[in-house]
Amino acid sequence: MYDMKNLKRLKSLEAHAPDAFKAFWAFDKAAMADGAIPSKYKELMALAVAFTTQCPYCIEVHAGKARDAGATTAEIAEAVAVAAALRAGAAITHGTHALRDE
């Protein structure tokens, strides 16, 4: 199901909804460009989000872009740890919804 070749189908989606995709690509480009946060750190943030959403396409794409932007294996490993901590933290805090005041 998850095959990087599927990303070639984005062109078909774009052909059927050109205005929306044009806006999406422009937003994506602007969001990931160097700014107050350098693109390397934005790519590491994108990786952490991808780990939590478990999107194999995003992991593949942003891992490559992070490395291209100069991210090291150690930085990527720490992004994994940050994502894991946040995901675990969300499970812990959401667990409070299952409790009753005693």
PDB file of N, CA and C in Angstrom:
ATOM      1  N   MET A   1       0.818  -1.189   0.000  1.00  0.00           N
ATOM      2  CA  MET A   1       0.000   0.000   0.000  1.00  0.00           C
ATOM      3  C   MET A   1       0.869   1.264   0.000  1.00  0.00           C
ATOM      4  N   TYR A   2       1.870   1.304   0.889  1.00  0.00           N
ATOM      5  CA  TYR A   2       2.729   2.472   0.951  1.00  0.00           C
ATOM      6  C   TYR A   2       3.949   2.241   0.074  1.00  0.00           C
ATOM      7  N   ASP A   3       3.900   2.802  -1.087  1.00  0.00           N
ATOM      8  CA  ASP A   3       4.983   2.685  -2.047  1.00  0.00           C
ATOM      9  C   ASP A   3       5.297   4.096  -2.521  1.00  0.00           C
ATOM     10  N   MET A   4       6.551   4.482  -2.478  1.00  0.00           N
ATOM     11  CA  MET A   4       6.922   5.828  -2.882  1.00  0.00           C
ATOM     12  C   MET A   4       6.487   6.137  -4.311  1.00  0.00           C
ATOM     13  N   LYS A   5       6.277   5.106  -5.128  1.00  0.00           N
ATOM     14  CA  LYS A   5       5.791   5.323  -6.496  1.00  0.00           C
ATOM     15  C   LYS A   5       4.409   5.964  -6.497  1.00  0.00           C
ATOM     16  N   ASN A   6       3.655   5.772  -5.416  1.00  0.00           N
ATOM     17  CA  ASN A   6       2.326   6.374  -5.335  1.00  0.00           C
ATOM     18  C   ASN A   6       2.383   7.898  -5.399  1.00  0.00           C
ATOM     19  N   LEU A   7       3.500   8.467  -4.997  1.00  0.00           N
ATOM     20  CA  LEU A   7       3.616   9.920  -5.008  1.00  0.00           C
ATOM     21  C   LEU A   7       3.551  10.486  -6.423  1.00  0.00           C
ATOM     22  N   LYS A   8       3.816   9.643  -7.424  1.00  0.00           N
ATOM     23  CA  LYS A   8       3.674  10.082  -8.811  1.00  0.00           C
ATOM     24  C   LYS A   8       2.219  10.424  -9.128  1.00  0.00           C
ATOM     25  N   ARG A   9       1.294   9.869  -8.347  1.00  0.00           N
ATOM     26  CA  ARG A   9      -0.131  10.131  -8.557  1.00  0.00           C
ATOM     27  C   ARG A   9      -0.550  11.510  -8.070  1.00  0.00           C
ATOM     28  N   LEU A  10       0.344  12.195  -7.390  1.00  0.00           N
ATOM     29  CA  LEU A  10       0.031  13.555  -6.965  1.00  0.00           C
ATOM     30  C   LEU A  10      -0.294  14.440  -8.167  1.00  0.00           C
ATOM     31  N   LYS A  11       0.349  14.170  -9.283  1.00  0.00           N
ATOM     32  CA  LYS A  11       0.083  14.950 -10.499  1.00  0.00           C
ATOM     33  C   LYS A  11      -1.361  14.790 -10.945  1.00  0.00           C
ATOM     34  N   SER A  12      -1.909  13.606 -10.766  1.00  0.00           N
ATOM     35  CA  SER A  12      -3.310  13.390 -11.118  1.00  0.00           C
ATOM     36  C   SER A  12      -4.232  14.154 -10.181  1.00  0.00           C
ATOM     37  N   LEU A  13      -3.928  14.110  -8.888  1.00  0.00           N
ATOM     38  CA  LEU A  13      -4.727  14.892  -7.936  1.00  0.00           C
ATOM     39  C   LEU A  13      -4.665  16.376  -8.287  1.00  0.00           C
ATOM     40  N   GLU A  14      -3.462  16.833  -8.577  1.00  0.00           N
ATOM     41  CA  GLU A  14      -3.274  18.242  -8.912  1.00  0.00           C
ATOM     42  C   GLU A  14      -4.034  18.623 -10.179  1.00  0.00           C
ATOM     43  N   ALA A  15      -4.062  17.730 -11.155  1.00  0.00           N
ATOM     44  CA  ALA A  15      -4.782  18.004 -12.402  1.00  0.00           C
ATOM     45  C   ALA A  15      -6.284  18.144 -12.172  1.00  0.00           C
ATOM     46  N   HIS A  16      -6.792  17.441 -11.172  1.00  0.00           N
ATOM     47  CA  HIS A  16      -8.229  17.469 -10.900  1.00  0.00           C
ATOM     48  C   HIS A  16      -8.636  18.555  -9.916  1.00  0.00           C
ATOM     49  N   ALA A  17      -7.683  19.131  -9.218  1.00  0.00           N
ATOM     50  CA  ALA A  17      -7.963  20.222  -8.270  1.00  0.00           C
ATOM     51  C   ALA A  17      -6.800  21.216  -8.315  1.00  0.00           C
ATOM     52  N   PRO A  18      -6.578  21.831  -9.473  1.00  0.00           N
ATOM     53  CA  PRO A  18      -5.377  22.645  -9.665  1.00  0.00           C
ATOM     54  C   PRO A  18      -5.266  23.848  -8.734  1.00  0.00           C
ATOM     55  N   ASP A  19      -6.343  24.539  -8.483  1.00  0.00           N
ATOM     56  CA  ASP A  19      -6.259  25.722  -7.626  1.00  0.00           C
ATOM     57  C   ASP A  19      -5.879  25.346  -6.200  1.00  0.00           C
ATOM     58  N   ALA A  20      -6.501  24.310  -5.682  1.00  0.00           N
ATOM     59  CA  ALA A  20      -6.203  23.870  -4.314  1.00  0.00           C
ATOM     60  C   ALA A  20      -4.766  23.398  -4.197  1.00  0.00           C
ATOM     61  N   PHE A  21      -4.300  22.643  -5.186  1.00  0.00           N
ATOM     62  CA  PHE A  21      -2.930  22.135  -5.110  1.00  0.00           C
ATOM     63  C   PHE A  21      -1.904  23.233  -5.322  1.00  0.00           C
ATOM     64  N   LYS A  22      -2.211  24.186  -6.184  1.00  0.00           N
ATOM     65  CA  LYS A  22      -1.300  25.316  -6.358  1.00  0.00           C
ATOM     66  C   LYS A  22      -1.141  26.051  -5.031  1.00  0.00           C
ATOM     67  N   ALA A  23      -2.249  26.262  -4.336  1.00  0.00           N
ATOM     68  CA  ALA A  23      -2.207  26.929  -3.029  1.00  0.00           C
ATOM     69  C   ALA A  23      -1.452  26.076  -2.012  1.00  0.00           C
ATOM     70  N   PHE A  24      -1.694  24.765  -2.031  1.00  0.00           N
ATOM     71  CA  PHE A  24      -0.997  23.880  -1.092  1.00  0.00           C
ATOM     72  C   PHE A  24       0.506  23.927  -1.311  1.00  0.00           C
ATOM     73  N   TRP A  25       0.953  23.790  -2.563  1.00  0.00           N
ATOM     74  CA  TRP A  25       2.391  23.768  -2.832  1.00  0.00           C
ATOM     75  C   TRP A  25       3.039  25.087  -2.442  1.00  0.00           C
ATOM     76  N   ALA A  26       2.339  26.207  -2.686  1.00  0.00           N
ATOM     77  CA  ALA A  26       2.887  27.511  -2.305  1.00  0.00           C
ATOM     78  C   ALA A  26       3.006  27.618  -0.790  1.00  0.00           C
ATOM     79  N   PHE A  27       1.978  27.157  -0.072  1.00  0.00           N
ATOM     80  CA  PHE A  27       2.012  27.194   1.385  1.00  0.00           C
ATOM     81  C   PHE A  27       3.126  26.301   1.919  1.00  0.00           C
ATOM     82  N   ASP A  28       3.230  25.093   1.381  1.00  0.00           N
ATOM     83  CA  ASP A  28       4.262  24.155   1.820  1.00  0.00           C
ATOM     84  C   ASP A  28       5.652  24.754   1.618  1.00  0.00           C
ATOM     85  N   LYS A  29       5.865  25.343   0.467  1.00  0.00           N
ATOM     86  CA  LYS A  29       7.169  25.952   0.173  1.00  0.00           C
ATOM     87  C   LYS A  29       7.472  27.082   1.151  1.00  0.00           C
ATOM     88  N   ALA A  30       6.493  27.930   1.416  1.00  0.00           N
ATOM     89  CA  ALA A  30       6.687  29.047   2.334  1.00  0.00           C
ATOM     90  C   ALA A  30       6.924  28.557   3.759  1.00  0.00           C
ATOM     91  N   ALA A  31       6.166  27.555   4.170  1.00  0.00           N
ATOM     92  CA  ALA A  31       6.292  27.044   5.539  1.00  0.00           C
ATOM     93  C   ALA A  31       7.653  26.417   5.785  1.00  0.00           C
ATOM     94  N   MET A  32       8.230  25.773   4.785  1.00  0.00           N
ATOM     95  CA  MET A  32       9.479  25.049   4.970  1.00  0.00           C
ATOM     96  C   MET A  32      10.716  25.865   4.615  1.00  0.00           C
ATOM     97  N   ALA A  33      10.526  27.088   4.121  1.00  0.00           N
ATOM     98  CA  ALA A  33      11.663  27.929   3.734  1.00  0.00           C
ATOM     99  C   ALA A  33      12.395  28.443   4.970  1.00  0.00           C
ATOM    100  N   ASP A  34      13.675  28.774   4.763  1.00  0.00           N
ATOM    101  CA  ASP A  34      14.437  29.425   5.824  1.00  0.00           C
ATOM    102  C   ASP A  34      13.701  30.681   6.266  1.00  0.00           C
ATOM    103  N   GLY A  35      13.677  30.879   7.547  1.00  0.00           N
ATOM    104  CA  GLY A  35      13.071  32.079   8.117  1.00  0.00           C
ATOM    105  C   GLY A  35      13.633  32.253   9.507  1.00  0.00           C
ATOM    106  N   ALA A  36      12.794  32.605  10.456  1.00  0.00           N
ATOM    107  CA  ALA A  36      13.246  32.706  11.840  1.00  0.00           C
ATOM    108  C   ALA A  36      13.787  31.353  12.301  1.00  0.00           C
ATOM    109  N   ILE A  37      13.216  30.286  11.746  1.00  0.00           N
ATOM    110  CA  ILE A  37      13.709  28.924  12.002  1.00  0.00           C
ATOM    111  C   ILE A  37      14.392  28.441  10.718  1.00  0.00           C
ATOM    112  N   PRO A  38      15.652  28.045  10.782  1.00  0.00           N
ATOM    113  CA  PRO A  38      16.339  27.535   9.595  1.00  0.00           C
ATOM    114  C   PRO A  38      15.675  26.257   9.064  1.00  0.00           C
ATOM    115  N   SER A  39      15.777  26.055   7.760  1.00  0.00           N
ATOM    116  CA  SER A  39      15.107  24.915   7.125  1.00  0.00           C
ATOM    117  C   SER A  39      15.538  23.577   7.715  1.00  0.00           C
ATOM    118  N   LYS A  40      16.781  23.462   8.163  1.00  0.00           N
ATOM    119  CA  LYS A  40      17.236  22.199   8.769  1.00  0.00           C
ATOM    120  C   LYS A  40      16.364  21.848   9.977  1.00  0.00           C
ATOM    121  N   TYR A  41      16.096  22.835  10.808  1.00  0.00           N
ATOM    122  CA  TYR A  41      15.282  22.583  11.997  1.00  0.00           C
ATOM    123  C   TYR A  41      13.822  22.360  11.634  1.00  0.00           C
ATOM    124  N   LYS A  42      13.367  23.026  10.591  1.00  0.00           N
ATOM    125  CA  LYS A  42      12.001  22.781  10.132  1.00  0.00           C
ATOM    126  C   LYS A  42      11.864  21.349   9.628  1.00  0.00           C
ATOM    127  N   GLU A  43      12.881  20.851   8.944  1.00  0.00           N
ATOM    128  CA  GLU A  43      12.836  19.467   8.458  1.00  0.00           C
ATOM    129  C   GLU A  43      12.866  18.479   9.623  1.00  0.00           C
ATOM    130  N   LEU A  44      13.635  18.782  10.652  1.00  0.00           N
ATOM    131  CA  LEU A  44      13.646  17.920  11.838  1.00  0.00           C
ATOM    132  C   LEU A  44      12.287  17.953  12.537  1.00  0.00           C
ATOM    133  N   MET A  45      11.668  19.120  12.582  1.00  0.00           N
ATOM    134  CA  MET A  45      10.321  19.215  13.153  1.00  0.00           C
ATOM    135  C   MET A  45       9.330  18.420  12.303  1.00  0.00           C
ATOM    136  N   ALA A  46       9.455  18.532  10.982  1.00  0.00           N
ATOM    137  CA  ALA A  46       8.577  17.776  10.091  1.00  0.00           C
ATOM    138  C   ALA A  46       8.756  16.276  10.306  1.00  0.00           C
ATOM    139  N   LEU A  47       9.987  15.857  10.519  1.00  0.00           N
ATOM    140  CA  LEU A  47      10.243  14.442  10.798  1.00  0.00           C
ATOM    141  C   LEU A  47       9.566  14.009  12.090  1.00  0.00           C
ATOM    142  N   ALA A  48       9.689  14.811  13.133  1.00  0.00           N
ATOM    143  CA  ALA A  48       9.061  14.463  14.413  1.00  0.00           C
ATOM    144  C   ALA A  48       7.547  14.336  14.248  1.00  0.00           C
ATOM    145  N   VAL A  49       6.957  15.260  13.505  1.00  0.00           N
ATOM    146  CA  VAL A  49       5.512  15.171  13.241  1.00  0.00           C
ATOM    147  C   VAL A  49       5.211  13.906  12.443  1.00  0.00           C
ATOM    148  N   ALA A  50       6.031  13.624  11.445  1.00  0.00           N
ATOM    149  CA  ALA A  50       5.813  12.430  10.623  1.00  0.00           C
ATOM    150  C   ALA A  50       5.914  11.153  11.443  1.00  0.00           C
ATOM    151  N   PHE A  51       6.817  11.131  12.412  1.00  0.00           N
ATOM    152  CA  PHE A  51       6.914   9.951  13.274  1.00  0.00           C
ATOM    153  C   PHE A  51       5.643   9.779  14.091  1.00  0.00           C
ATOM    154  N   THR A  52       5.081  10.880  14.571  1.00  0.00           N
ATOM    155  CA  THR A  52       3.868  10.769  15.392  1.00  0.00           C
ATOM    156  C   THR A  52       2.644  10.462  14.548  1.00  0.00           C
ATOM    157  N   THR A  53       2.580  10.995  13.317  1.00  0.00           N
ATOM    158  CA  THR A  53       1.447  10.667  12.441  1.00  0.00           C
ATOM    159  C   THR A  53       1.670   9.340  11.725  1.00  0.00           C
ATOM    160  N   GLN A  54       2.897   8.855  11.785  1.00  0.00           N
ATOM    161  CA  GLN A  54       3.296   7.584  11.184  1.00  0.00           C
ATOM    162  C   GLN A  54       3.061   7.551   9.675  1.00  0.00           C
ATOM    163  N   CYS A  55       3.396   8.669   9.028  1.00  0.00           N
ATOM    164  CA  CYS A  55       3.261   8.756   7.567  1.00  0.00           C
ATOM    165  C   CYS A  55       4.578   8.337   6.921  1.00  0.00           C
ATOM    166  N   PRO A  56       4.610   7.176   6.279  1.00  0.00           N
ATOM    167  CA  PRO A  56       5.866   6.717   5.686  1.00  0.00           C
ATOM    168  C   PRO A  56       6.371   7.627   4.569  1.00  0.00           C
ATOM    169  N   TYR A  57       5.442   8.263   3.847  1.00  0.00           N
ATOM    170  CA  TYR A  57       5.860   9.182   2.787  1.00  0.00           C
ATOM    171  C   TYR A  57       6.571  10.390   3.386  1.00  0.00           C
ATOM    172  N   CYS A  58       5.971  10.957   4.425  1.00  0.00           N
ATOM    173  CA  CYS A  58       6.575  12.131   5.071  1.00  0.00           C
ATOM    174  C   CYS A  58       7.912  11.782   5.696  1.00  0.00           C
ATOM    175  N   ILE A  59       7.997  10.613   6.311  1.00  0.00           N
ATOM    176  CA  ILE A  59       9.267  10.195   6.918  1.00  0.00           C
ATOM    177  C   ILE A  59      10.344  10.112   5.845  1.00  0.00           C
ATOM    178  N   GLU A  60      10.039   9.465   4.744  1.00  0.00           N
ATOM    179  CA  GLU A  60      11.007   9.306   3.657  1.00  0.00           C
ATOM    180  C   GLU A  60      11.420  10.654   3.078  1.00  0.00           C
ATOM    181  N   VAL A  61      10.437  11.471   2.756  1.00  0.00           N
ATOM    182  CA  VAL A  61      10.721  12.764   2.123  1.00  0.00           C
ATOM    183  C   VAL A  61      11.496  13.679   3.068  1.00  0.00           C
ATOM    184  N   HIS A  62      11.018  13.816   4.311  1.00  0.00           N
ATOM    185  CA  HIS A  62      11.641  14.773   5.212  1.00  0.00           C
ATOM    186  C   HIS A  62      12.958  14.262   5.802  1.00  0.00           C
ATOM    187  N   ALA A  63      13.153  12.960   5.875  1.00  0.00           N
ATOM    188  CA  ALA A  63      14.464  12.444   6.284  1.00  0.00           C
ATOM    189  C   ALA A  63      15.512  12.845   5.251  1.00  0.00           C
ATOM    190  N   GLY A  64      15.166  12.690   3.998  1.00  0.00           N
ATOM    191  CA  GLY A  64      16.094  13.089   2.931  1.00  0.00           C
ATOM    192  C   GLY A  64      16.355  14.580   2.930  1.00  0.00           C
ATOM    193  N   LYS A  65      15.287  15.360   3.082  1.00  0.00           N
ATOM    194  CA  LYS A  65      15.456  16.816   3.093  1.00  0.00           C
ATOM    195  C   LYS A  65      16.227  17.279   4.321  1.00  0.00           C
ATOM    196  N   ALA A  66      16.006  16.626   5.459  1.00  0.00           N
ATOM    197  CA  ALA A  66      16.756  16.987   6.666  1.00  0.00           C
ATOM    198  C   ALA A  66      18.242  16.726   6.454  1.00  0.00           C
ATOM    199  N   ARG A  67      18.561  15.575   5.897  1.00  0.00           N
ATOM    200  CA  ARG A  67      19.975  15.261   5.627  1.00  0.00           C
ATOM    201  C   ARG A  67      20.562  16.249   4.624  1.00  0.00           C
ATOM    202  N   ASP A  68      19.782  16.562   3.580  1.00  0.00           N
ATOM    203  CA  ASP A  68      20.261  17.533   2.586  1.00  0.00           C
ATOM    204  C   ASP A  68      20.513  18.899   3.221  1.00  0.00           C
ATOM    205  N   ALA A  69      19.738  19.232   4.256  1.00  0.00           N
ATOM    206  CA  ALA A  69      19.898  20.510   4.951  1.00  0.00           C
ATOM    207  C   ALA A  69      20.996  20.456   6.012  1.00  0.00           C
ATOM    208  N   GLY A  70      21.650  19.296   6.146  1.00  0.00           N
ATOM    209  CA  GLY A  70      22.773  19.176   7.064  1.00  0.00           C
ATOM    210  C   GLY A  70      22.498  18.453   8.367  1.00  0.00           C
ATOM    211  N   ALA A  71      21.296  17.876   8.514  1.00  0.00           N
ATOM    212  CA  ALA A  71      20.984  17.148   9.754  1.00  0.00           C
ATOM    213  C   ALA A  71      21.842  15.890   9.851  1.00  0.00           C
ATOM    214  N   THR A  72      22.282  15.621  11.056  1.00  0.00           N
ATOM    215  CA  THR A  72      23.098  14.435  11.312  1.00  0.00           C
ATOM    216  C   THR A  72      22.213  13.281  11.792  1.00  0.00           C
ATOM    217  N   THR A  73      22.792  12.100  11.824  1.00  0.00           N
ATOM    218  CA  THR A  73      22.075  10.944  12.347  1.00  0.00           C
ATOM    219  C   THR A  73      21.695  11.168  13.808  1.00  0.00           C
ATOM    220  N   ALA A  74      22.591  11.790  14.571  1.00  0.00           N
ATOM    221  CA  ALA A  74      22.294  12.072  15.978  1.00  0.00           C
ATOM    222  C   ALA A  74      21.105  13.021  16.113  1.00  0.00           C
ATOM    223  N   GLU A  75      21.025  14.030  15.255  1.00  0.00           N
ATOM    224  CA  GLU A  75      19.891  14.968  15.298  1.00  0.00           C
ATOM    225  C   GLU A  75      18.592  14.261  14.933  1.00  0.00           C
ATOM    226  N   ILE A  76      18.638  13.397  13.943  1.00  0.00           N
ATOM    227  CA  ILE A  76      17.442  12.643  13.556  1.00  0.00           C
ATOM    228  C   ILE A  76      17.027  11.711  14.691  1.00  0.00           C
ATOM    229  N   ALA A  77      18.002  11.073  15.328  1.00  0.00           N
ATOM    230  CA  ALA A  77      17.694  10.184  16.458  1.00  0.00           C
ATOM    231  C   ALA A  77      17.033  10.966  17.591  1.00  0.00           C
ATOM    232  N   GLU A  78      17.501  12.184  17.851  1.00  0.00           N
ATOM    233  CA  GLU A  78      16.878  12.993  18.892  1.00  0.00           C
ATOM    234  C   GLU A  78      15.475  13.425  18.492  1.00  0.00           C
ATOM    235  N   ALA A  79      15.243  13.654  17.200  1.00  0.00           N
ATOM    236  CA  ALA A  79      13.889  13.977  16.732  1.00  0.00           C
ATOM    237  C   ALA A  79      12.957  12.795  16.973  1.00  0.00           C
ATOM    238  N   VAL A  80      13.474  11.586  16.792  1.00  0.00           N
ATOM    239  CA  VAL A  80      12.693  10.378  17.099  1.00  0.00           C
ATOM    240  C   VAL A  80      12.324  10.368  18.581  1.00  0.00           C
ATOM    241  N   ALA A  81      13.294  10.661  19.436  1.00  0.00           N
ATOM    242  CA  ALA A  81      13.054  10.649  20.875  1.00  0.00           C
ATOM    243  C   ALA A  81      12.048  11.723  21.284  1.00  0.00           C
ATOM    244  N   VAL A  82      12.145  12.905  20.693  1.00  0.00           N
ATOM    245  CA  VAL A  82      11.182  13.972  20.987  1.00  0.00           C
ATOM    246  C   VAL A  82       9.782  13.534  20.579  1.00  0.00           C
ATOM    247  N   ALA A  83       9.650  12.965  19.392  1.00  0.00           N
ATOM    248  CA  ALA A  83       8.339  12.497  18.921  1.00  0.00           C
ATOM    249  C   ALA A  83       7.783  11.423  19.849  1.00  0.00           C
ATOM    250  N   ALA A  84       8.634  10.503  20.263  1.00  0.00           N
ATOM    251  CA  ALA A  84       8.193   9.433  21.164  1.00  0.00           C
ATOM    252  C   ALA A  84       7.752   9.994  22.508  1.00  0.00           C
ATOM    253  N   ALA A  85       8.490  10.962  23.022  1.00  0.00           N
ATOM    254  CA  ALA A  85       8.132  11.567  24.308  1.00  0.00           C
ATOM    255  C   ALA A  85       6.788  12.278  24.221  1.00  0.00           C
ATOM    256  N   LEU A  86       6.578  13.004  23.132  1.00  0.00           N
ATOM    257  CA  LEU A  86       5.308  13.707  22.985  1.00  0.00           C
ATOM    258  C   LEU A  86       4.150  12.753  22.794  1.00  0.00           C
ATOM    259  N   ARG A  87       4.373  11.716  22.029  1.00  0.00           N
ATOM    260  CA  ARG A  87       3.297  10.748  21.817  1.00  0.00           C
ATOM    261  C   ARG A  87       2.963  10.028  23.128  1.00  0.00           C
ATOM    262  N   ALA A  88       3.988   9.655  23.869  1.00  0.00           N
ATOM    263  CA  ALA A  88       3.757   9.008  25.166  1.00  0.00           C
ATOM    264  C   ALA A  88       3.102   9.981  26.135  1.00  0.00           C
ATOM    265  N   GLY A  89       3.562  11.218  26.126  1.00  0.00           N
ATOM    266  CA  GLY A  89       2.979  12.227  27.002  1.00  0.00           C
ATOM    267  C   GLY A  89       1.507  12.445  26.708  1.00  0.00           C
ATOM    268  N   ALA A  90       1.146  12.417  25.446  1.00  0.00           N
ATOM    269  CA  ALA A  90      -0.257  12.574  25.074  1.00  0.00           C
ATOM    270  C   ALA A  90      -1.090  11.413  25.602  1.00  0.00           C
ATOM    271  N   ALA A  91      -0.543  10.212  25.551  1.00  0.00           N
ATOM    272  CA  ALA A  91      -1.272   9.054  26.091  1.00  0.00           C
ATOM    273  C   ALA A  91      -1.469   9.205  27.601  1.00  0.00           C
ATOM    274  N   ILE A  92      -0.445   9.660  28.278  1.00  0.00           N
ATOM    275  CA  ILE A  92      -0.536   9.847  29.732  1.00  0.00           C
ATOM    276  C   ILE A  92      -1.576  10.907  30.076  1.00  0.00           C
ATOM    277  N   THR A  93      -1.482  12.064  29.435  1.00  0.00           N
ATOM    278  CA  THR A  93      -2.414  13.145  29.772  1.00  0.00           C
ATOM    279  C   THR A  93      -3.830  12.826  29.340  1.00  0.00           C
ATOM    280  N   HIS A  94      -3.997  12.138  28.219  1.00  0.00           N
ATOM    281  CA  HIS A  94      -5.342  11.740  27.808  1.00  0.00           C
ATOM    282  C   HIS A  94      -5.920  10.681  28.741  1.00  0.00           C
ATOM    283  N   GLY A  95      -5.030   9.941  29.400  1.00  0.00           N
ATOM    284  CA  GLY A  95      -5.480   8.951  30.375  1.00  0.00           C
ATOM    285  C   GLY A  95      -6.278   9.566  31.511  1.00  0.00           C
ATOM    286  N   THR A  96      -6.032  10.850  31.775  1.00  0.00           N
ATOM    287  CA  THR A  96      -6.785  11.503  32.849  1.00  0.00           C
ATOM    288  C   THR A  96      -8.277  11.569  32.552  1.00  0.00           C
ATOM    289  N   HIS A  97      -8.641  11.496  31.288  1.00  0.00           N
ATOM    290  CA  HIS A  97     -10.059  11.532  30.904  1.00  0.00           C
ATOM    291  C   HIS A  97     -10.787  10.260  31.338  1.00  0.00           C
ATOM    292  N   ALA A  98     -10.047   9.206  31.584  1.00  0.00           N
ATOM    293  CA  ALA A  98     -10.665   7.941  31.991  1.00  0.00           C
ATOM    294  C   ALA A  98     -10.856   7.846  33.504  1.00  0.00           C
ATOM    295  N   LEU A  99     -10.321   8.804  34.230  1.00  0.00           N
ATOM    296  CA  LEU A  99     -10.413   8.775  35.691  1.00  0.00           C
ATOM    297  C   LEU A  99     -11.618   9.571  36.173  1.00  0.00           C
ATOM    298  N   ARG A 100     -12.082   9.191  37.331  1.00  0.00           N
ATOM    299  CA  ARG A 100     -13.154   9.938  37.989  1.00  0.00           C
ATOM    300  C   ARG A 100     -12.598  10.571  39.240  1.00  0.00           C
ATOM    301  N   ASP A 101     -13.113  11.711  39.577  1.00  0.00           N
ATOM    302  CA  ASP A 101     -12.704  12.327  40.840  1.00  0.00           C
ATOM    303  C   ASP A 101     -13.199  11.430  41.965  1.00  0.00           C
ATOM    304  N   GLU A 102     -12.339  11.189  42.909  1.00  0.00           N
ATOM    305  CA  GLU A 102     -12.714  10.307  44.021  1.00  0.00           C
ATOM    306  C   GLU A 102     -12.982  11.092  45.271  1.00  0.00           C
TER     307      GLU A 102
END
